[in-house]
N, C-alpha and C. Protein backbone atom coordinates (compact mmCIF):
# COMPACT_ATOMS: atom_id res chain seq x y z
N MET A 1 0.81 -1.08 0.27
CA MET A 1 0.06 0.36 -0.01
C MET A 1 0.92 1.57 0.27
N ASP A 2 0.82 2.20 -0.81
CA ASP A 2 1.26 3.16 -1.13
C ASP A 2 0.85 4.59 -0.37
N ALA A 3 -0.24 4.72 -0.76
CA ALA A 3 -0.99 5.54 0.12
C ALA A 3 -2.44 5.41 0.84
N LEU A 4 -2.89 5.83 1.81
CA LEU A 4 -4.31 5.28 2.26
C LEU A 4 -4.67 6.93 2.45
N TYR A 5 -6.10 7.21 2.14
CA TYR A 5 -6.52 8.62 2.01
C TYR A 5 -7.84 8.15 3.16
N LEU A 6 -8.01 9.38 4.36
CA LEU A 6 -8.67 9.38 5.37
C LEU A 6 -9.45 10.63 5.38
N GLU A 7 -11.05 10.22 5.44
CA GLU A 7 -11.41 11.51 5.63
C GLU A 7 -11.06 12.17 6.90
N LYS A 8 -10.70 13.40 7.11
CA LYS A 8 -10.71 14.07 8.41
C LYS A 8 -12.30 14.00 9.31
N SER A 9 -13.11 14.32 8.70
CA SER A 9 -14.41 13.67 9.70
C SER A 9 -14.40 12.86 10.36
N LYS A 10 -13.75 11.46 9.64
CA LYS A 10 -13.82 10.08 10.22
C LYS A 10 -13.07 9.83 11.33
N ILE A 11 -11.87 10.62 11.53
CA ILE A 11 -11.06 10.45 12.59
C ILE A 11 -11.37 11.06 13.88
N ARG A 12 -10.82 9.99 14.79
CA ARG A 12 -10.87 10.41 16.15
C ARG A 12 -9.54 10.86 16.52
N VAL A 13 -9.71 12.41 16.73
CA VAL A 13 -8.42 13.10 17.40
C VAL A 13 -8.06 12.98 18.91
N LEU A 14 -7.58 12.17 19.57
CA LEU A 14 -7.51 12.21 20.41
C LEU A 14 -6.42 13.23 21.53
N GLU A 15 -6.69 13.50 22.66
CA GLU A 15 -6.05 14.51 23.52
C GLU A 15 -4.65 14.25 24.01
N ASN A 16 -3.93 15.37 24.06
CA ASN A 16 -2.68 14.93 24.31
C ASN A 16 -2.60 15.15 25.74
N GLN A 17 -2.13 14.05 26.54
CA GLN A 17 -1.91 14.03 27.93
C GLN A 17 -0.75 14.61 28.29
N ARG A 18 0.40 15.09 27.37
CA ARG A 18 1.72 15.45 27.64
C ARG A 18 1.97 14.60 28.87
N LYS A 19 3.07 15.37 29.39
CA LYS A 19 3.74 14.56 30.82
C LYS A 19 4.85 13.33 30.18
N GLY A 20 5.34 13.38 29.37
CA GLY A 20 5.72 12.19 28.51
C GLY A 20 4.70 11.04 28.59
N LEU A 21 3.88 11.32 28.75
CA LEU A 21 2.49 9.89 28.46
C LEU A 21 1.59 10.31 27.25
N CYS A 22 1.85 10.92 26.14
CA CYS A 22 1.05 11.24 25.58
C CYS A 22 0.69 10.01 24.72
N LEU A 23 1.91 8.91 23.82
CA LEU A 23 1.96 7.67 23.37
C LEU A 23 1.04 6.66 23.99
N ILE A 24 1.16 6.57 25.01
CA ILE A 24 0.45 5.78 25.81
C ILE A 24 -1.07 6.01 25.95
N SER A 25 -1.05 7.46 26.42
CA SER A 25 -2.34 7.88 26.83
C SER A 25 -3.21 7.31 25.51
N ALA A 26 -2.77 8.16 24.55
CA ALA A 26 -3.38 8.27 22.78
C ALA A 26 -3.68 6.07 22.77
N PHE A 27 -3.34 5.65 22.95
CA PHE A 27 -3.17 4.14 22.95
C PHE A 27 -4.45 3.67 23.44
N PHE A 28 -4.58 3.75 24.99
CA PHE A 28 -5.76 3.85 26.21
C PHE A 28 -6.94 4.21 25.42
N GLN A 29 -6.67 5.55 25.01
CA GLN A 29 -8.04 6.39 24.57
C GLN A 29 -8.12 5.97 23.43
N GLY A 30 -7.83 5.54 22.61
CA GLY A 30 -7.50 4.61 21.29
C GLY A 30 -8.45 3.54 21.34
N MET A 31 -8.32 2.66 22.51
CA MET A 31 -9.09 1.50 23.11
C MET A 31 -10.23 2.05 23.62
N GLU A 32 -10.64 2.97 23.57
CA GLU A 32 -12.18 3.37 24.27
C GLU A 32 -13.40 3.34 22.99
N SER A 33 -14.40 2.93 23.31
CA SER A 33 -15.23 3.00 21.93
C SER A 33 -15.50 4.02 21.66
N SER A 34 -16.05 5.52 22.24
CA SER A 34 -16.65 6.06 22.17
C SER A 34 -15.39 7.73 22.42
N ILE A 35 -15.60 8.35 21.57
CA ILE A 35 -14.50 9.81 21.91
C ILE A 35 -15.01 10.30 23.48
N GLU A 36 -16.04 10.63 23.48
CA GLU A 36 -16.91 10.92 24.81
C GLU A 36 -16.18 10.62 26.06
N GLY A 37 -16.11 8.96 25.58
CA GLY A 37 -15.76 7.63 26.60
C GLY A 37 -14.21 8.36 27.26
N ALA A 38 -13.65 8.46 26.07
CA ALA A 38 -12.19 8.60 26.16
C ALA A 38 -11.66 9.77 26.86
N ARG A 39 -12.61 10.67 26.51
CA ARG A 39 -12.10 11.91 27.30
C ARG A 39 -12.57 12.22 28.87
N GLN A 40 -13.88 11.55 29.39
CA GLN A 40 -14.02 11.41 30.72
C GLN A 40 -13.62 10.61 31.59
N CYS A 41 -12.71 9.41 30.82
CA CYS A 41 -12.08 8.27 31.83
C CYS A 41 -10.71 8.82 32.11
N GLN A 42 -10.19 9.65 32.48
CA GLN A 42 -8.78 10.21 32.63
C GLN A 42 -8.15 9.31 33.57
N GLU A 43 -9.11 9.50 34.73
CA GLU A 43 -8.71 8.29 36.02
C GLU A 43 -8.48 7.21 35.79
N MET A 44 -9.36 6.42 34.81
CA MET A 44 -9.35 5.36 34.10
C MET A 44 -8.07 5.25 33.26
N ILE A 45 -7.92 6.06 32.57
CA ILE A 45 -6.72 6.19 31.57
C ILE A 45 -5.15 5.93 32.42
N THR A 46 -5.62 7.08 33.01
CA THR A 46 -3.80 7.08 34.33
C THR A 46 -3.95 5.73 35.12
N ASN A 47 -5.24 4.88 35.49
CA ASN A 47 -4.92 3.72 36.10
C ASN A 47 -4.07 2.73 35.25
N GLU A 48 -4.46 2.36 33.66
CA GLU A 48 -4.19 1.68 32.40
C GLU A 48 -2.81 2.17 32.49
N ILE A 49 -2.17 3.46 32.49
CA ILE A 49 -0.64 3.50 32.40
C ILE A 49 -0.31 3.29 33.04
N VAL A 50 -0.62 3.16 35.11
CA VAL A 50 0.33 2.96 35.52
C VAL A 50 0.25 1.31 36.20
N ASN A 51 -0.54 0.43 35.68
CA ASN A 51 -0.74 -1.03 34.89
C ASN A 51 0.12 -1.37 33.73
N ALA A 52 0.16 -0.52 33.15
CA ALA A 52 1.35 -0.94 32.04
C ALA A 52 2.82 -0.60 32.33
N MET A 53 3.12 0.60 32.99
CA MET A 53 4.43 0.58 33.58
C MET A 53 4.89 -0.26 34.17
N THR A 54 3.63 -0.45 35.29
CA THR A 54 4.14 -1.52 36.29
C THR A 54 4.03 -2.86 35.51
N PHE A 55 3.77 -3.06 34.77
CA PHE A 55 3.87 -4.44 33.84
C PHE A 55 5.18 -4.61 33.49
N VAL A 56 5.55 -3.64 32.53
CA VAL A 56 6.83 -3.04 31.86
C VAL A 56 7.74 -2.81 32.99
N SER A 57 8.26 -2.78 34.14
CA SER A 57 9.28 -2.58 35.33
C SER A 57 9.16 -3.99 35.69
N ASP A 58 7.67 -4.92 35.80
CA ASP A 58 7.83 -6.13 36.38
C ASP A 58 8.44 -7.24 35.53
N ASN A 59 8.68 -6.95 34.32
CA ASN A 59 9.29 -7.80 32.98
C ASN A 59 10.77 -6.96 31.95
N VAL A 60 10.97 -6.62 32.97
CA VAL A 60 11.89 -6.00 32.28
C VAL A 60 12.88 -6.63 31.43
N HIS A 61 13.55 -7.67 31.83
CA HIS A 61 14.00 -8.58 31.44
C HIS A 61 13.28 -9.31 30.50
N PHE A 62 12.20 -9.12 30.10
CA PHE A 62 12.16 -9.50 28.56
C PHE A 62 11.97 -8.70 27.56
N PHE A 63 12.22 -7.48 27.71
CA PHE A 63 12.80 -6.59 26.97
C PHE A 63 14.11 -6.24 26.65
N GLY A 64 14.80 -6.91 26.72
CA GLY A 64 16.38 -7.10 26.51
C GLY A 64 16.73 -6.70 24.87
N ASP A 65 15.31 -7.01 24.19
CA ASP A 65 15.78 -7.37 22.50
C ASP A 65 15.72 -5.34 22.06
N ILE A 66 15.15 -4.50 22.85
CA ILE A 66 14.68 -2.85 22.39
C ILE A 66 16.09 -2.53 22.68
N SER A 67 15.81 -1.08 21.98
CA SER A 67 16.92 -0.53 21.33
C SER A 67 17.95 -0.25 22.83
N PRO A 68 19.23 0.16 23.09
CA PRO A 68 19.62 0.51 24.21
C PRO A 68 18.69 1.91 25.04
N ALA A 69 18.57 2.33 23.94
CA ALA A 69 18.40 3.89 24.80
C ALA A 69 16.65 3.97 24.92
N SER A 70 15.84 2.89 24.68
CA SER A 70 14.76 2.60 25.29
C SER A 70 14.79 1.86 26.27
N TYR A 71 15.64 0.78 26.39
CA TYR A 71 15.95 -0.42 27.47
C TYR A 71 16.19 1.01 28.74
N ASP A 72 17.07 1.70 28.11
CA ASP A 72 17.51 3.03 29.65
C ASP A 72 16.36 3.22 29.93
N THR A 73 15.70 4.04 29.31
CA THR A 73 14.40 4.66 29.58
C THR A 73 13.51 3.60 30.61
N ILE A 74 13.15 2.58 30.19
CA ILE A 74 12.12 1.59 30.88
C ILE A 74 12.83 1.15 32.48
N SER A 75 14.16 0.80 32.02
CA SER A 75 15.21 0.39 33.66
C SER A 75 15.15 1.57 34.21
N ARG A 76 14.25 3.02 34.58
CA ARG A 76 14.03 3.62 35.04
C ARG A 76 12.84 4.28 35.76
N TRP A 77 11.66 3.33 35.22
CA TRP A 77 10.05 3.37 35.54
C TRP A 77 10.50 2.17 36.77
N ASN A 78 10.78 3.04 38.14
CA ASN A 78 10.81 2.12 39.71
C ASN A 78 9.25 2.42 40.19
N ALA A 79 9.09 1.93 41.36
CA ALA A 79 8.02 2.30 42.21
C ALA A 79 7.47 3.42 42.55
N GLU A 80 8.71 4.29 42.70
CA GLU A 80 8.64 5.93 42.99
C GLU A 80 8.00 6.53 41.48
N ARG A 81 8.70 6.55 40.85
CA ARG A 81 8.35 7.12 39.77
C ARG A 81 6.67 6.57 39.13
N ILE A 82 6.71 5.02 39.19
CA ILE A 82 5.01 5.23 39.02
C ILE A 82 4.15 5.30 39.36
N CYS A 83 4.51 5.78 41.21
CA CYS A 83 3.83 6.49 41.70
C CYS A 83 3.49 7.48 41.69
N GLU A 84 4.27 8.38 41.04
CA GLU A 84 4.47 10.00 40.78
C GLU A 84 3.54 9.94 39.73
N VAL A 85 3.40 8.95 38.89
CA VAL A 85 2.44 9.20 37.72
C VAL A 85 0.94 8.69 38.41
N SER A 86 0.94 8.09 38.75
CA SER A 86 -0.43 7.58 39.54
C SER A 86 -1.44 8.82 40.60
N LYS A 87 -0.18 9.88 40.51
CA LYS A 87 -0.72 11.04 41.25
C LYS A 87 -1.02 12.08 39.93
N GLY A 88 -0.93 11.75 39.05
CA GLY A 88 -1.17 12.84 37.99
C GLY A 88 -0.03 13.57 37.02
N ARG A 89 1.17 12.93 38.04
CA ARG A 89 2.65 13.59 37.70
C ARG A 89 3.26 13.25 36.22
N GLY A 90 3.85 13.65 35.40
CA GLY A 90 4.52 13.39 34.41
C GLY A 90 5.81 12.71 34.68
N LEU A 91 6.47 12.30 33.11
CA LEU A 91 7.84 11.55 33.47
C LEU A 91 8.62 12.52 33.32
N TYR A 92 9.98 12.27 33.67
CA TYR A 92 11.11 13.25 33.59
C TYR A 92 11.57 13.02 31.76
N SER A 93 12.40 13.97 31.16
CA SER A 93 12.76 13.46 30.02
C SER A 93 13.89 12.85 29.76
N GLY A 94 13.32 11.77 28.74
CA GLY A 94 14.17 11.03 28.28
C GLY A 94 13.48 9.59 28.98
N GLU A 95 12.44 9.64 29.80
CA GLU A 95 11.77 8.67 30.67
C GLU A 95 10.52 8.57 30.00
N PHE A 96 10.52 9.08 28.83
CA PHE A 96 9.04 8.98 27.96
C PHE A 96 8.67 7.27 27.18
N TRP A 97 7.33 7.48 27.07
CA TRP A 97 6.98 6.08 26.13
C TRP A 97 7.59 6.53 24.90
N ASN A 98 7.94 5.50 23.92
CA ASN A 98 7.94 5.64 22.72
C ASN A 98 7.36 4.33 22.13
N ILE A 99 7.57 4.56 20.43
CA ILE A 99 7.04 3.37 19.54
C ILE A 99 6.99 2.14 20.13
N GLU A 100 8.59 1.94 20.02
CA GLU A 100 9.79 0.56 20.45
C GLU A 100 8.57 0.00 22.24
N ILE A 101 8.69 0.77 22.52
CA ILE A 101 8.52 0.41 24.04
C ILE A 101 7.09 -0.07 24.06
N LEU A 102 6.22 0.84 23.39
CA LEU A 102 4.61 0.59 22.92
C LEU A 102 4.56 -0.64 22.31
N GLU A 103 5.15 -0.94 21.61
CA GLU A 103 4.59 -2.21 20.57
C GLU A 103 5.35 -3.27 21.47
N LYS A 104 6.67 -3.43 22.33
CA LYS A 104 6.56 -4.62 22.92
C LYS A 104 6.01 -4.88 23.94
N TYR A 105 5.23 -3.45 24.60
CA TYR A 105 4.65 -4.02 25.81
C TYR A 105 3.20 -4.61 24.95
N ILE A 106 2.83 -3.82 24.02
CA ILE A 106 1.39 -4.76 23.33
C ILE A 106 1.44 -6.38 23.20
N GLU A 107 2.86 -6.36 22.60
CA GLU A 107 3.45 -7.98 22.12
C GLU A 107 3.73 -8.84 23.69
N LEU A 108 4.12 -8.61 24.37
CA LEU A 108 4.26 -8.89 26.01
C LEU A 108 3.29 -9.33 26.59
N ALA A 109 2.46 -7.91 26.60
CA ALA A 109 1.35 -8.07 27.46
C ALA A 109 -0.29 -8.97 26.75
N LYS A 110 0.17 -9.51 25.35
CA LYS A 110 -0.84 -10.08 24.41
C LYS A 110 -2.02 -9.17 24.49
N ILE A 111 -1.82 -8.01 24.02
CA ILE A 111 -2.69 -7.26 23.79
C ILE A 111 -3.50 -7.33 22.57
N PRO A 112 -4.48 -7.94 22.06
CA PRO A 112 -4.92 -8.03 20.57
C PRO A 112 -5.46 -6.81 19.79
N VAL A 113 -4.32 -6.37 19.45
CA VAL A 113 -4.56 -5.04 18.48
C VAL A 113 -3.72 -4.91 17.78
N MET A 114 -4.15 -3.55 16.59
CA MET A 114 -3.16 -3.57 15.46
C MET A 114 -3.03 -2.26 15.79
N VAL A 115 -1.84 -1.42 15.50
CA VAL A 115 -1.58 0.01 15.80
C VAL A 115 -0.86 0.42 14.51
N PHE A 116 -1.60 1.49 14.13
CA PHE A 116 -1.15 2.37 12.84
C PHE A 116 -1.23 3.08 13.43
N TYR A 117 0.07 4.25 12.54
CA TYR A 117 0.62 5.40 12.97
C TYR A 117 0.05 6.62 11.91
N TYR A 118 -0.24 7.63 12.23
CA TYR A 118 -0.77 9.00 10.82
C TYR A 118 0.04 9.90 10.89
N ILE A 119 0.35 10.73 10.39
CA ILE A 119 0.84 12.07 10.18
C ILE A 119 0.17 12.79 9.83
N GLU A 120 -0.27 14.26 9.80
CA GLU A 120 -0.83 14.78 8.79
C GLU A 120 -0.21 15.87 7.96
N VAL A 121 -0.78 15.66 6.90
CA VAL A 121 0.02 16.53 5.90
C VAL A 121 -0.96 17.57 5.78
N THR A 122 -0.98 18.81 6.15
CA THR A 122 -1.35 20.05 6.89
C THR A 122 -1.90 20.72 5.47
N ASN A 123 -0.74 20.57 4.80
CA ASN A 123 -1.13 21.51 3.71
C ASN A 123 -2.47 21.00 2.80
N ASN A 124 -2.81 19.46 2.61
CA ASN A 124 -4.08 19.15 2.12
C ASN A 124 -5.38 18.47 3.21
N CYS A 125 -4.89 18.58 4.17
CA CYS A 125 -5.59 18.43 5.11
C CYS A 125 -5.72 16.53 4.89
N LYS A 126 -4.86 15.85 4.65
CA LYS A 126 -4.85 14.72 4.72
C LYS A 126 -3.76 13.93 5.32
N PHE A 127 -4.21 12.77 6.25
CA PHE A 127 -3.38 11.92 6.70
C PHE A 127 -2.64 10.96 5.97
N ALA A 128 -1.40 10.80 6.33
CA ALA A 128 -0.41 9.59 5.90
C ALA A 128 -0.34 8.63 6.89
N VAL A 129 0.03 7.01 6.02
CA VAL A 129 0.46 6.34 7.24
C VAL A 129 1.53 6.20 7.35
N LYS A 130 2.14 5.74 8.39
CA LYS A 130 3.56 5.69 8.49
C LYS A 130 3.90 4.67 9.20
């Protein structure tokens, strides 16, 4: 597939939680069946993020095949850092979820989902698959 055209009116735009949690937050918002449900369940999403970070931290030894930078990132996700996230605080620079960590988490946690990444081509108001 060279290109995929998506109508902007049919795309669910997810809220960026920032704090270094935007990718994992978007993942869990995307798992919600409705836009309003995704926006109204921020506490549930925070709990899911904490559970995901705990899973990664508890299973860090299974992440040995990811890049050294990503492995270093998850190695810093200790109980204290996860507790801070549970209180609504973010991650420090360099501790952020990235695509590699997310995809490995999905694989190891056996979450039955396919993830597609899109970038916006702003001059045409279209999105491209990445």
